[in-house]
Amino acid sequence: MDDALRKGTRVAGTDRSELAAQLRRRYDSGESIRMLAAATGRSYGFVHRLLSEAGAELRGRGGATRKA
């Protein structure tokens, strides 16, 4: 990962747009937000926000559903 995108640094401008596009491609191909957060060293909330900014259609939570 680029030094400009390390955890704790502010990501703005073209770097932010490029990171958002990259994360969206990976998310659209099936990776989870938690997987992307771990891979980039960023928080779940940061990745979620970038995906939203990039216009990604966020998936619902997985797992079994309970029937009453």
PDB file of N, CA and C in Angstrom:
ATOM      1  N   MET A   1       0.846  -1.176   0.000  1.00  0.00           N
ATOM      2  CA  MET A   1       0.000   0.000   0.000  1.00  0.00           C
ATOM      3  C   MET A   1       0.887   1.233   0.000  1.00  0.00           C
ATOM      4  N   ASP A   2       0.449   2.260  -0.676  1.00  0.00           N
ATOM      5  CA  ASP A   2       1.156   3.524  -0.790  1.00  0.00           C
ATOM      6  C   ASP A   2       1.295   4.178   0.583  1.00  0.00           C
ATOM      7  N   ASP A   3       2.442   4.830   0.845  1.00  0.00           N
ATOM      8  CA  ASP A   3       2.656   5.510   2.128  1.00  0.00           C
ATOM      9  C   ASP A   3       1.617   6.582   2.384  1.00  0.00           C
ATOM     10  N   ALA A   4       1.117   7.221   1.339  1.00  0.00           N
ATOM     11  CA  ALA A   4       0.115   8.277   1.496  1.00  0.00           C
ATOM     12  C   ALA A   4      -1.215   7.727   1.991  1.00  0.00           C
ATOM     13  N   LEU A   5      -1.420   6.410   1.882  1.00  0.00           N
ATOM     14  CA  LEU A   5      -2.694   5.811   2.264  1.00  0.00           C
ATOM     15  C   LEU A   5      -2.597   5.002   3.552  1.00  0.00           C
ATOM     16  N   ARG A   6      -1.471   5.110   4.256  1.00  0.00           N
ATOM     17  CA  ARG A   6      -1.299   4.373   5.509  1.00  0.00           C
ATOM     18  C   ARG A   6      -2.351   4.770   6.532  1.00  0.00           C
ATOM     19  N   LYS A   7      -2.580   3.868   7.480  1.00  0.00           N
ATOM     20  CA  LYS A   7      -3.515   4.135   8.568  1.00  0.00           C
ATOM     21  C   LYS A   7      -3.072   5.382   9.332  1.00  0.00           C
ATOM     22  N   GLY A   8      -4.030   6.209   9.662  1.00  0.00           N
ATOM     23  CA  GLY A   8      -3.739   7.410  10.427  1.00  0.00           C
ATOM     24  C   GLY A   8      -3.465   8.637   9.583  1.00  0.00           C
ATOM     25  N   THR A   9      -3.324   8.454   8.278  1.00  0.00           N
ATOM     26  CA  THR A   9      -3.108   9.603   7.399  1.00  0.00           C
ATOM     27  C   THR A   9      -4.425   9.993   6.748  1.00  0.00           C
ATOM     28  N   ARG A  10      -4.564  11.270   6.484  1.00  0.00           N
ATOM     29  CA  ARG A  10      -5.772  11.761   5.837  1.00  0.00           C
ATOM     30  C   ARG A  10      -5.702  11.430   4.352  1.00  0.00           C
ATOM     31  N   VAL A  11      -6.792  10.906   3.828  1.00  0.00           N
ATOM     32  CA  VAL A  11      -6.857  10.549   2.411  1.00  0.00           C
ATOM     33  C   VAL A  11      -7.851  11.499   1.753  1.00  0.00           C
ATOM     34  N   ALA A  12      -7.356  12.314   0.817  1.00  0.00           N
ATOM     35  CA  ALA A  12      -8.213  13.306   0.179  1.00  0.00           C
ATOM     36  C   ALA A  12      -7.869  13.410  -1.303  1.00  0.00           C
ATOM     37  N   GLY A  13      -8.729  14.092  -2.032  1.00  0.00           N
ATOM     38  CA  GLY A  13      -8.482  14.375  -3.441  1.00  0.00           C
ATOM     39  C   GLY A  13      -8.447  13.139  -4.309  1.00  0.00           C
ATOM     40  N   THR A  14      -7.473  13.118  -5.221  1.00  0.00           N
ATOM     41  CA  THR A  14      -7.398  12.009  -6.172  1.00  0.00           C
ATOM     42  C   THR A  14      -7.047  10.692  -5.486  1.00  0.00           C
ATOM     43  N   ASP A  15      -6.225  10.756  -4.419  1.00  0.00           N
ATOM     44  CA  ASP A  15      -5.895   9.521  -3.688  1.00  0.00           C
ATOM     45  C   ASP A  15      -7.157   8.877  -3.131  1.00  0.00           C
ATOM     46  N   ARG A  16      -8.056   9.698  -2.592  1.00  0.00           N
ATOM     47  CA  ARG A  16      -9.303   9.186  -2.018  1.00  0.00           C
ATOM     48  C   ARG A  16     -10.180   8.586  -3.116  1.00  0.00           C
ATOM     49  N   SER A  17     -10.274   9.274  -4.242  1.00  0.00           N
ATOM     50  CA  SER A  17     -11.089   8.779  -5.360  1.00  0.00           C
ATOM     51  C   SER A  17     -10.555   7.459  -5.892  1.00  0.00           C
ATOM     52  N   GLU A  18      -9.237   7.381  -6.030  1.00  0.00           N
ATOM     53  CA  GLU A  18      -8.627   6.154  -6.542  1.00  0.00           C
ATOM     54  C   GLU A  18      -8.806   4.997  -5.563  1.00  0.00           C
ATOM     55  N   LEU A  19      -8.615   5.277  -4.273  1.00  0.00           N
ATOM     56  CA  LEU A  19      -8.804   4.231  -3.261  1.00  0.00           C
ATOM     57  C   LEU A  19     -10.257   3.771  -3.237  1.00  0.00           C
ATOM     58  N   ALA A  20     -11.197   4.712  -3.325  1.00  0.00           N
ATOM     59  CA  ALA A  20     -12.617   4.359  -3.326  1.00  0.00           C
ATOM     60  C   ALA A  20     -12.950   3.478  -4.525  1.00  0.00           C
ATOM     61  N   ALA A  21     -12.415   3.815  -5.696  1.00  0.00           N
ATOM     62  CA  ALA A  21     -12.680   3.026  -6.902  1.00  0.00           C
ATOM     63  C   ALA A  21     -12.094   1.623  -6.774  1.00  0.00           C
ATOM     64  N   GLN A  22     -10.880   1.540  -6.225  1.00  0.00           N
ATOM     65  CA  GLN A  22     -10.234   0.239  -6.039  1.00  0.00           C
ATOM     66  C   GLN A  22     -11.020  -0.621  -5.060  1.00  0.00           C
ATOM     67  N   LEU A  23     -11.432  -0.024  -3.939  1.00  0.00           N
ATOM     68  CA  LEU A  23     -12.202  -0.774  -2.949  1.00  0.00           C
ATOM     69  C   LEU A  23     -13.552  -1.198  -3.507  1.00  0.00           C
ATOM     70  N   ARG A  24     -14.163  -0.344  -4.301  1.00  0.00           N
ATOM     71  CA  ARG A  24     -15.458  -0.703  -4.889  1.00  0.00           C
ATOM     72  C   ARG A  24     -15.319  -1.899  -5.820  1.00  0.00           C
ATOM     73  N   ARG A  25     -14.269  -1.904  -6.647  1.00  0.00           N
ATOM     74  CA  ARG A  25     -14.053  -3.046  -7.556  1.00  0.00           C
ATOM     75  C   ARG A  25     -13.903  -4.336  -6.752  1.00  0.00           C
ATOM     76  N   ARG A  26     -13.129  -4.280  -5.680  1.00  0.00           N
ATOM     77  CA  ARG A  26     -12.913  -5.469  -4.861  1.00  0.00           C
ATOM     78  C   ARG A  26     -14.192  -5.888  -4.141  1.00  0.00           C
ATOM     79  N   TYR A  27     -14.954  -4.915  -3.646  1.00  0.00           N
ATOM     80  CA  TYR A  27     -16.218  -5.201  -2.961  1.00  0.00           C
ATOM     81  C   TYR A  27     -17.216  -5.811  -3.933  1.00  0.00           C
ATOM     82  N   ASP A  28     -17.308  -5.230  -5.133  1.00  0.00           N
ATOM     83  CA  ASP A  28     -18.236  -5.741  -6.148  1.00  0.00           C
ATOM     84  C   ASP A  28     -17.863  -7.152  -6.602  1.00  0.00           C
ATOM     85  N   SER A  29     -16.583  -7.513  -6.476  1.00  0.00           N
ATOM     86  CA  SER A  29     -16.171  -8.859  -6.867  1.00  0.00           C
ATOM     87  C   SER A  29     -16.330  -9.864  -5.728  1.00  0.00           C
ATOM     88  N   GLY A  30     -16.848  -9.405  -4.565  1.00  0.00           N
ATOM     89  CA  GLY A  30     -17.208 -10.358  -3.521  1.00  0.00           C
ATOM     90  C   GLY A  30     -16.526 -10.198  -2.178  1.00  0.00           C
ATOM     91  N   GLU A  31     -15.504  -9.363  -2.070  1.00  0.00           N
ATOM     92  CA  GLU A  31     -14.848  -9.192  -0.771  1.00  0.00           C
ATOM     93  C   GLU A  31     -15.773  -8.447   0.186  1.00  0.00           C
ATOM     94  N   SER A  32     -15.646  -8.743   1.460  1.00  0.00           N
ATOM     95  CA  SER A  32     -16.474  -8.076   2.463  1.00  0.00           C
ATOM     96  C   SER A  32     -15.806  -6.771   2.912  1.00  0.00           C
ATOM     97  N   ILE A  33     -16.595  -5.928   3.553  1.00  0.00           N
ATOM     98  CA  ILE A  33     -16.051  -4.680   4.081  1.00  0.00           C
ATOM     99  C   ILE A  33     -14.982  -4.997   5.118  1.00  0.00           C
ATOM    100  N   ARG A  34     -15.225  -5.990   5.950  1.00  0.00           N
ATOM    101  CA  ARG A  34     -14.229  -6.352   6.974  1.00  0.00           C
ATOM    102  C   ARG A  34     -12.932  -6.844   6.344  1.00  0.00           C
ATOM    103  N   MET A  35     -13.022  -7.600   5.277  1.00  0.00           N
ATOM    104  CA  MET A  35     -11.818  -8.066   4.585  1.00  0.00           C
ATOM    105  C   MET A  35     -11.054  -6.887   3.995  1.00  0.00           C
ATOM    106  N   LEU A  36     -11.779  -5.944   3.388  1.00  0.00           N
ATOM    107  CA  LEU A  36     -11.137  -4.761   2.803  1.00  0.00           C
ATOM    108  C   LEU A  36     -10.489  -3.903   3.879  1.00  0.00           C
ATOM    109  N   ALA A  37     -11.158  -3.771   5.016  1.00  0.00           N
ATOM    110  CA  ALA A  37     -10.607  -2.984   6.121  1.00  0.00           C
ATOM    111  C   ALA A  37      -9.304  -3.609   6.618  1.00  0.00           C
ATOM    112  N   ALA A  38      -9.297  -4.921   6.772  1.00  0.00           N
ATOM    113  CA  ALA A  38      -8.095  -5.610   7.239  1.00  0.00           C
ATOM    114  C   ALA A  38      -6.957  -5.482   6.228  1.00  0.00           C
ATOM    115  N   ALA A  39      -7.277  -5.592   4.944  1.00  0.00           N
ATOM    116  CA  ALA A  39      -6.258  -5.525   3.903  1.00  0.00           C
ATOM    117  C   ALA A  39      -5.643  -4.135   3.768  1.00  0.00           C
ATOM    118  N   THR A  40      -6.423  -3.098   4.041  1.00  0.00           N
ATOM    119  CA  THR A  40      -5.921  -1.730   3.891  1.00  0.00           C
ATOM    120  C   THR A  40      -5.417  -1.138   5.202  1.00  0.00           C
ATOM    121  N   GLY A  41      -5.692  -1.803   6.327  1.00  0.00           N
ATOM    122  CA  GLY A  41      -5.291  -1.261   7.616  1.00  0.00           C
ATOM    123  C   GLY A  41      -6.162  -0.098   8.051  1.00  0.00           C
ATOM    124  N   ARG A  42      -7.343  -0.014   7.478  1.00  0.00           N
ATOM    125  CA  ARG A  42      -8.290   1.051   7.811  1.00  0.00           C
ATOM    126  C   ARG A  42      -9.455   0.468   8.584  1.00  0.00           C
ATOM    127  N   SER A  43     -10.265   1.347   9.167  1.00  0.00           N
ATOM    128  CA  SER A  43     -11.393   0.874   9.959  1.00  0.00           C
ATOM    129  C   SER A  43     -12.554   0.452   9.056  1.00  0.00           C
ATOM    130  N   TYR A  44     -13.451  -0.331   9.640  1.00  0.00           N
ATOM    131  CA  TYR A  44     -14.673  -0.744   8.955  1.00  0.00           C
ATOM    132  C   TYR A  44     -15.452   0.492   8.510  1.00  0.00           C
ATOM    133  N   GLY A  45     -15.592   1.471   9.399  1.00  0.00           N
ATOM    134  CA  GLY A  45     -16.352   2.686   9.102  1.00  0.00           C
ATOM    135  C   GLY A  45     -15.767   3.477   7.951  1.00  0.00           C
ATOM    136  N   PHE A  46     -14.434   3.564   7.896  1.00  0.00           N
ATOM    137  CA  PHE A  46     -13.768   4.285   6.806  1.00  0.00           C
ATOM    138  C   PHE A  46     -14.058   3.611   5.467  1.00  0.00           C
ATOM    139  N   VAL A  47     -13.908   2.293   5.431  1.00  0.00           N
ATOM    140  CA  VAL A  47     -14.148   1.554   4.182  1.00  0.00           C
ATOM    141  C   VAL A  47     -15.618   1.666   3.788  1.00  0.00           C
ATOM    142  N   HIS A  48     -16.521   1.542   4.739  1.00  0.00           N
ATOM    143  CA  HIS A  48     -17.952   1.664   4.475  1.00  0.00           C
ATOM    144  C   HIS A  48     -18.266   3.034   3.873  1.00  0.00           C
ATOM    145  N   ARG A  49     -17.685   4.082   4.458  1.00  0.00           N
ATOM    146  CA  ARG A  49     -17.917   5.444   3.975  1.00  0.00           C
ATOM    147  C   ARG A  49     -17.385   5.623   2.549  1.00  0.00           C
ATOM    148  N   LEU A  50     -16.186   5.093   2.274  1.00  0.00           N
ATOM    149  CA  LEU A  50     -15.628   5.213   0.925  1.00  0.00           C
ATOM    150  C   LEU A  50     -16.476   4.469  -0.103  1.00  0.00           C
ATOM    151  N   LEU A  51     -16.955   3.292   0.274  1.00  0.00           N
ATOM    152  CA  LEU A  51     -17.807   2.544  -0.652  1.00  0.00           C
ATOM    153  C   LEU A  51     -19.095   3.305  -0.935  1.00  0.00           C
ATOM    154  N   SER A  52     -19.656   3.921   0.078  1.00  0.00           N
ATOM    155  CA  SER A  52     -20.868   4.714  -0.107  1.00  0.00           C
ATOM    156  C   SER A  52     -20.593   5.903  -1.023  1.00  0.00           C
ATOM    157  N   GLU A  53     -19.458   6.573  -0.801  1.00  0.00           N
ATOM    158  CA  GLU A  53     -19.076   7.704  -1.651  1.00  0.00           C
ATOM    159  C   GLU A  53     -18.873   7.266  -3.097  1.00  0.00           C
ATOM    160  N   ALA A  54     -18.374   6.046  -3.283  1.00  0.00           N
ATOM    161  CA  ALA A  54     -18.107   5.532  -4.624  1.00  0.00           C
ATOM    162  C   ALA A  54     -19.378   5.037  -5.309  1.00  0.00           C
ATOM    163  N   GLY A  55     -20.499   5.033  -4.589  1.00  0.00           N
ATOM    164  CA  GLY A  55     -21.764   4.621  -5.179  1.00  0.00           C
ATOM    165  C   GLY A  55     -21.995   3.126  -5.196  1.00  0.00           C
ATOM    166  N   ALA A  56     -21.252   2.391  -4.379  1.00  0.00           N
ATOM    167  CA  ALA A  56     -21.419   0.935  -4.335  1.00  0.00           C
ATOM    168  C   ALA A  56     -22.766   0.598  -3.702  1.00  0.00           C
ATOM    169  N   GLU A  57     -23.405  -0.433  -4.227  1.00  0.00           N
ATOM    170  CA  GLU A  57     -24.639  -0.926  -3.634  1.00  0.00           C
ATOM    171  C   GLU A  57     -24.232  -1.907  -2.545  1.00  0.00           C
ATOM    172  N   LEU A  58     -24.405  -1.487  -1.301  1.00  0.00           N
ATOM    173  CA  LEU A  58     -23.931  -2.286  -0.176  1.00  0.00           C
ATOM    174  C   LEU A  58     -24.844  -3.487   0.060  1.00  0.00           C
ATOM    175  N   ARG A  59     -24.214  -4.632   0.315  1.00  0.00           N
ATOM    176  CA  ARG A  59     -24.953  -5.865   0.554  1.00  0.00           C
ATOM    177  C   ARG A  59     -25.466  -5.890   1.990  1.00  0.00           C
ATOM    178  N   GLY A  60     -26.511  -6.668   2.208  1.00  0.00           N
ATOM    179  CA  GLY A  60     -27.012  -6.883   3.554  1.00  0.00           C
ATOM    180  C   GLY A  60     -26.088  -7.803   4.319  1.00  0.00           C
ATOM    181  N   ARG A  61     -26.334  -7.893   5.603  1.00  0.00           N
ATOM    182  CA  ARG A  61     -25.516  -8.784   6.420  1.00  0.00           C
ATOM    183  C   ARG A  61     -25.802 -10.226   6.071  1.00  0.00           C
ATOM    184  N   GLY A  62     -24.801 -11.063   6.172  1.00  0.00           N
ATOM    185  CA  GLY A  62     -24.951 -12.471   5.862  1.00  0.00           C
ATOM    186  C   GLY A  62     -25.359 -13.271   7.072  1.00  0.00           C
ATOM    187  N   GLY A  63     -25.326 -14.558   6.930  1.00  0.00           N
ATOM    188  CA  GLY A  63     -25.621 -15.439   8.055  1.00  0.00           C
ATOM    189  C   GLY A  63     -27.053 -15.934   8.020  1.00  0.00           C
ATOM    190  N   ALA A  64     -27.333 -16.836   8.938  1.00  0.00           N
ATOM    191  CA  ALA A  64     -28.659 -17.437   9.018  1.00  0.00           C
ATOM    192  C   ALA A  64     -29.678 -16.427   9.532  1.00  0.00           C
ATOM    193  N   THR A  65     -30.883 -16.559   9.071  1.00  0.00           N
ATOM    194  CA  THR A  65     -31.959 -15.708   9.558  1.00  0.00           C
ATOM    195  C   THR A  65     -32.839 -16.538  10.488  1.00  0.00           C
ATOM    196  N   ARG A  66     -33.432 -15.867  11.432  1.00  0.00           N
ATOM    197  CA  ARG A  66     -34.276 -16.560  12.400  1.00  0.00           C
ATOM    198  C   ARG A  66     -35.733 -16.466  11.956  1.00  0.00           C
ATOM    199  N   LYS A  67     -36.425 -17.566  12.085  1.00  0.00           N
ATOM    200  CA  LYS A  67     -37.849 -17.590  11.776  1.00  0.00           C
ATOM    201  C   LYS A  67     -38.610 -17.782  13.070  1.00  0.00           C
ATOM    202  N   ALA A  68     -39.623 -16.956  13.281  1.00  0.00           N
ATOM    203  CA  ALA A  68     -40.392 -17.003  14.541  1.00  0.00           C
ATOM    204  C   ALA A  68     -41.371 -18.134  14.561  1.00  0.00           C
TER     205      ALA A  68
END
